Amino acid sequence: MDNRKIAGSITAVIAIVALVTMLNFGMDTPIISWPLEAYLGVAFSIGWLTSVPTILAYVLGALVFILIALAFYKLGSWVYGLATRLNR
C-alpha cells in the first residue's frame, strides 16, 4: 500500500468519524451506538423527506455513507499527491 492510499484511507476514516460525531452530538446515547444511530437517522431522514419505501431508504442511507467515504478518500489521496509533488 503506497502513501497516497494510506492518506486517502485516513482522510476517509476521519470524515466518517466526523460525520457520525456531528449527527450524534448532544444525544444521550453511548458512543458505541453512534454509528448505528447515525445510519438510522440518515435512513429515517431520507425516508421521511422523500417518502420512498423503507428498504430503499436504508439502501440510500448506506449509499450516502459510502459516497462520503469514497469522496474523502479521493480528496485525501489527491491532496497528498499535490503536497508530495510540490516538495520535489
Protein backbone atom coordinates (compact mmCIF):
# COMPACT_ATOMS: atom_id res chain seq x y z
CA MET A 1 0.00 0.00 0.00
CA ASP A 2 1.56 3.27 -1.01
CA ASN A 3 1.38 6.53 0.89
CA ARG A 4 -1.36 8.02 -1.29
CA LYS A 5 -3.71 5.16 -0.44
CA ILE A 6 -2.86 5.43 3.25
CA ALA A 7 -3.51 9.19 3.22
CA GLY A 8 -6.80 8.65 1.40
CA SER A 9 -7.88 5.94 3.85
CA ILE A 10 -7.03 8.07 6.87
CA THR A 11 -8.94 11.01 5.39
CA ALA A 12 -11.98 8.81 4.69
CA VAL A 13 -11.99 7.42 8.24
CA ILE A 14 -11.67 10.89 9.73
CA ALA A 15 -14.55 12.13 7.55
CA ILE A 16 -16.85 9.25 8.56
CA VAL A 17 -15.98 9.68 12.25
CA ALA A 18 -16.62 13.43 11.96
CA LEU A 19 -19.97 12.83 10.24
CA VAL A 20 -21.08 10.31 12.86
CA THR A 21 -19.97 12.65 15.63
CA MET A 22 -21.78 15.59 14.05
CA LEU A 23 -25.00 13.62 13.67
CA ASN A 24 -24.89 12.36 17.28
CA PHE A 25 -23.55 15.40 19.08
CA GLY A 26 -25.70 16.21 22.07
CA MET A 27 -27.54 12.90 22.09
CA ASP A 28 -27.78 10.81 25.22
CA THR A 29 -26.68 7.53 23.61
CA PRO A 30 -23.43 5.71 24.37
CA ILE A 31 -20.56 6.32 21.96
CA ILE A 32 -20.56 2.65 20.89
CA SER A 33 -24.07 3.14 19.45
CA TRP A 34 -23.26 6.30 17.50
CA PRO A 35 -22.54 4.67 14.10
CA LEU A 36 -25.84 2.79 14.11
CA GLU A 37 -27.76 5.84 15.32
CA ALA A 38 -26.20 7.97 12.58
CA TYR A 39 -27.07 5.42 9.91
CA LEU A 40 -30.63 5.02 11.14
CA GLY A 41 -31.03 8.79 11.40
CA VAL A 42 -29.90 9.30 7.81
CA ALA A 43 -32.18 6.49 6.61
CA PHE A 44 -35.11 7.96 8.55
CA SER A 45 -34.48 11.42 7.14
CA ILE A 46 -34.33 10.10 3.59
CA GLY A 47 -37.49 8.05 4.09
CA TRP A 48 -39.40 10.83 5.74
CA LEU A 49 -38.40 13.63 3.38
CA THR A 50 -38.88 11.69 0.16
CA SER A 51 -41.50 9.10 1.23
CA VAL A 52 -39.62 6.29 -0.53
CA PRO A 53 -40.14 2.68 0.58
CA THR A 54 -38.34 1.70 3.77
CA ILE A 55 -35.85 -0.69 2.18
CA LEU A 56 -34.87 1.93 -0.38
CA ALA A 57 -34.33 4.47 2.40
CA TYR A 58 -31.94 2.05 4.13
CA VAL A 59 -30.06 1.40 0.89
CA LEU A 60 -29.80 5.12 0.14
CA GLY A 61 -28.62 5.78 3.70
CA ALA A 62 -25.81 3.25 3.27
CA LEU A 63 -25.02 4.76 -0.13
CA VAL A 64 -24.66 8.20 1.46
CA PHE A 65 -22.00 6.91 3.85
CA ILE A 66 -20.21 5.01 1.08
CA LEU A 67 -20.18 8.03 -1.22
CA ILE A 68 -18.86 10.29 1.54
CA ALA A 69 -16.09 7.81 2.31
CA LEU A 70 -15.17 7.50 -1.38
CA ALA A 71 -15.21 11.25 -1.94
CA PHE A 72 -12.94 11.92 1.03
CA TYR A 73 -10.66 9.02 0.05
CA LYS A 74 -10.15 10.59 -3.36
CA LEU A 75 -9.74 14.05 -1.83
CA GLY A 76 -7.14 12.82 0.67
CA SER A 77 -5.11 10.95 -1.92
CA TRP A 78 -5.29 13.92 -4.30
CA VAL A 79 -4.13 16.39 -1.64
CA TYR A 80 -1.31 14.05 -0.62
CA GLY A 81 -0.21 13.75 -4.24
CA LEU A 82 -0.30 17.51 -4.60
CA ALA A 83 1.72 18.03 -1.42
CA THR A 84 4.39 15.49 -2.38
CA ARG A 85 4.64 16.85 -5.91
CA LEU A 86 5.31 20.34 -4.53
CA ASN A 87 8.16 19.05 -2.37
CA ARG A 88 10.11 17.62 -5.30
